[in-house]
Amino acid sequence: MKRKFDNTLLGAAIGILGPVIAFLIILKSIYPHEFADETLINMWLYMAAPSVLSIAAIPNLAFFFLFIYTNRLKSARGVLGATIVLAIIVFIIKLSN
């Protein structure tokens, strides 16, 4: 039986947008009175970007379990793939310094 919203591409899109929105929320909570460019520069100078990116991936856990619980396994696969890509990006950033 074909389920609604059971698509790998949809899961990947949610897996990318969730951490992006969480990243922006974290930035505004850490640096509420600075502009976005100053915030990003401060994060790269103090090497806080990999840590914030790792924390921003937490919403993917909720989306993953939601898709598993509702038996939308293709969407869960997309979220998992996006999370793995994000983990590889964080690993590369950590190795570059």
C-alpha atoms as a PDB file:
ATOM      1  CA  MET A   1       0.000   0.000   0.000  1.00  0.00           C
ATOM      2  CA  LYS A   2       1.388   3.363  -1.011  1.00  0.00           C
ATOM      3  CA  ARG A   3       1.525   5.822   1.869  1.00  0.00           C
ATOM      4  CA  LYS A   4       1.183   9.552   1.595  1.00  0.00           C
ATOM      5  CA  PHE A   5       4.396  11.502   2.252  1.00  0.00           C
ATOM      6  CA  ASP A   6       6.560   8.385   1.943  1.00  0.00           C
ATOM      7  CA  ASN A   7       9.300   9.652  -0.330  1.00  0.00           C
ATOM      8  CA  THR A   8      13.078   9.631   0.044  1.00  0.00           C
ATOM      9  CA  LEU A   9      13.376  13.095  -1.497  1.00  0.00           C
ATOM     10  CA  LEU A  10      10.860  14.514   0.992  1.00  0.00           C
ATOM     11  CA  GLY A  11      12.782  12.944   3.860  1.00  0.00           C
ATOM     12  CA  ALA A  12      16.056  14.393   2.585  1.00  0.00           C
ATOM     13  CA  ALA A  13      14.501  17.848   2.248  1.00  0.00           C
ATOM     14  CA  ILE A  14      13.162  17.687   5.801  1.00  0.00           C
ATOM     15  CA  GLY A  15      16.523  16.308   6.951  1.00  0.00           C
ATOM     16  CA  ILE A  16      18.263  19.353   5.480  1.00  0.00           C
ATOM     17  CA  LEU A  17      15.747  22.046   6.425  1.00  0.00           C
ATOM     18  CA  GLY A  18      15.384  20.889  10.046  1.00  0.00           C
ATOM     19  CA  PRO A  19      19.042  21.482  10.969  1.00  0.00           C
ATOM     20  CA  VAL A  20      19.151  24.742   8.990  1.00  0.00           C
ATOM     21  CA  ILE A  21      16.209  26.143  10.948  1.00  0.00           C
ATOM     22  CA  ALA A  22      17.655  24.816  14.219  1.00  0.00           C
ATOM     23  CA  PHE A  23      21.042  26.360  13.327  1.00  0.00           C
ATOM     24  CA  LEU A  24      19.433  29.769  12.792  1.00  0.00           C
ATOM     25  CA  ILE A  25      17.528  29.510  16.073  1.00  0.00           C
ATOM     26  CA  ILE A  26      20.720  28.573  17.917  1.00  0.00           C
ATOM     27  CA  LEU A  27      22.589  31.492  16.331  1.00  0.00           C
ATOM     28  CA  LYS A  28      19.947  33.965  17.404  1.00  0.00           C
ATOM     29  CA  SER A  29      19.896  32.585  20.932  1.00  0.00           C
ATOM     30  CA  ILE A  30      23.695  32.672  21.333  1.00  0.00           C
ATOM     31  CA  TYR A  31      24.242  36.076  19.687  1.00  0.00           C
ATOM     32  CA  PRO A  32      20.915  37.944  19.929  1.00  0.00           C
ATOM     33  CA  HIS A  33      22.271  41.445  19.242  1.00  0.00           C
ATOM     34  CA  GLU A  34      24.679  40.748  16.387  1.00  0.00           C
ATOM     35  CA  PHE A  35      24.113  40.551  12.665  1.00  0.00           C
ATOM     36  CA  ALA A  36      24.347  37.222  10.848  1.00  0.00           C
ATOM     37  CA  ASP A  37      27.730  37.918   9.244  1.00  0.00           C
ATOM     38  CA  GLU A  38      29.338  38.880  12.573  1.00  0.00           C
ATOM     39  CA  THR A  39      27.853  35.799  14.212  1.00  0.00           C
ATOM     40  CA  LEU A  40      29.239  33.445  11.570  1.00  0.00           C
ATOM     41  CA  ILE A  41      32.666  35.078  11.733  1.00  0.00           C
ATOM     42  CA  ASN A  42      32.712  34.680  15.539  1.00  0.00           C
ATOM     43  CA  MET A  43      31.700  31.049  15.238  1.00  0.00           C
ATOM     44  CA  TRP A  44      34.485  30.260  12.770  1.00  0.00           C
ATOM     45  CA  LEU A  45      37.078  32.162  14.834  1.00  0.00           C
ATOM     46  CA  TYR A  46      36.245  30.260  18.011  1.00  0.00           C
ATOM     47  CA  MET A  47      35.646  26.946  16.167  1.00  0.00           C
ATOM     48  CA  ALA A  48      32.134  26.686  17.561  1.00  0.00           C
ATOM     49  CA  ALA A  49      30.599  25.926  14.154  1.00  0.00           C
ATOM     50  CA  PRO A  50      31.058  22.131  14.275  1.00  0.00           C
ATOM     51  CA  SER A  51      29.524  21.979  17.743  1.00  0.00           C
ATOM     52  CA  VAL A  52      26.539  24.089  16.738  1.00  0.00           C
ATOM     53  CA  LEU A  53      26.061  22.045  13.550  1.00  0.00           C
ATOM     54  CA  SER A  54      26.101  18.862  15.604  1.00  0.00           C
ATOM     55  CA  ILE A  55      23.479  20.214  17.990  1.00  0.00           C
ATOM     56  CA  ALA A  56      21.401  21.462  15.052  1.00  0.00           C
ATOM     57  CA  ALA A  57      21.058  17.866  13.834  1.00  0.00           C
ATOM     58  CA  ILE A  58      18.951  16.903  16.867  1.00  0.00           C
ATOM     59  CA  PRO A  59      15.610  17.722  15.159  1.00  0.00           C
ATOM     60  CA  ASN A  60      16.458  15.035  12.596  1.00  0.00           C
ATOM     61  CA  LEU A  61      16.192  12.479  15.380  1.00  0.00           C
ATOM     62  CA  ALA A  62      12.599  13.504  16.028  1.00  0.00           C
ATOM     63  CA  PHE A  63      11.742  13.447  12.319  1.00  0.00           C
ATOM     64  CA  PHE A  64      13.417  10.058  11.899  1.00  0.00           C
ATOM     65  CA  PHE A  65      11.481   8.455  14.737  1.00  0.00           C
ATOM     66  CA  LEU A  66       8.256  10.100  13.581  1.00  0.00           C
ATOM     67  CA  PHE A  67       8.672   8.575  10.128  1.00  0.00           C
ATOM     68  CA  ILE A  68       9.595   5.179  11.592  1.00  0.00           C
ATOM     69  CA  TYR A  69       6.618   5.229  13.951  1.00  0.00           C
ATOM     70  CA  THR A  70       4.191   6.104  11.132  1.00  0.00           C
ATOM     71  CA  ASN A  71       5.743   3.448   8.862  1.00  0.00           C
ATOM     72  CA  ARG A  72       7.095   5.909   6.295  1.00  0.00           C
ATOM     73  CA  LEU A  73      10.387   4.113   5.830  1.00  0.00           C
ATOM     74  CA  LYS A  74      11.456   5.851   2.614  1.00  0.00           C
ATOM     75  CA  SER A  75      11.124   9.269   4.255  1.00  0.00           C
ATOM     76  CA  ALA A  76      13.066   7.975   7.267  1.00  0.00           C
ATOM     77  CA  ARG A  77      15.783   6.820   4.864  1.00  0.00           C
ATOM     78  CA  GLY A  78      15.993  10.353   3.421  1.00  0.00           C
ATOM     79  CA  VAL A  79      16.320  11.921   6.866  1.00  0.00           C
ATOM     80  CA  LEU A  80      19.008   9.417   7.795  1.00  0.00           C
ATOM     81  CA  GLY A  81      20.919  10.165   4.578  1.00  0.00           C
ATOM     82  CA  ALA A  82      20.806  13.912   5.228  1.00  0.00           C
ATOM     83  CA  THR A  83      22.023  13.333   8.775  1.00  0.00           C
ATOM     84  CA  ILE A  84      24.940  11.242   7.536  1.00  0.00           C
ATOM     85  CA  VAL A  85      25.892  13.983   5.056  1.00  0.00           C
ATOM     86  CA  LEU A  86      25.758  16.548   7.875  1.00  0.00           C
ATOM     87  CA  ALA A  87      27.965  14.305  10.050  1.00  0.00           C
ATOM     88  CA  ILE A  88      30.516  14.021   7.237  1.00  0.00           C
ATOM     89  CA  ILE A  89      30.546  17.823   6.840  1.00  0.00           C
ATOM     90  CA  VAL A  90      31.141  18.287  10.583  1.00  0.00           C
ATOM     91  CA  PHE A  91      33.909  15.675  10.477  1.00  0.00           C
ATOM     92  CA  ILE A  92      35.643  17.437   7.568  1.00  0.00           C
ATOM     93  CA  ILE A  93      35.423  20.810   9.340  1.00  0.00           C
ATOM     94  CA  LYS A  94      36.901  19.280  12.497  1.00  0.00           C
ATOM     95  CA  LEU A  95      39.750  17.685  10.536  1.00  0.00           C
ATOM     96  CA  SER A  96      40.613  20.907   8.701  1.00  0.00           C
ATOM     97  CA  ASN A  97      41.766  22.592  11.911  1.00  0.00           C
END
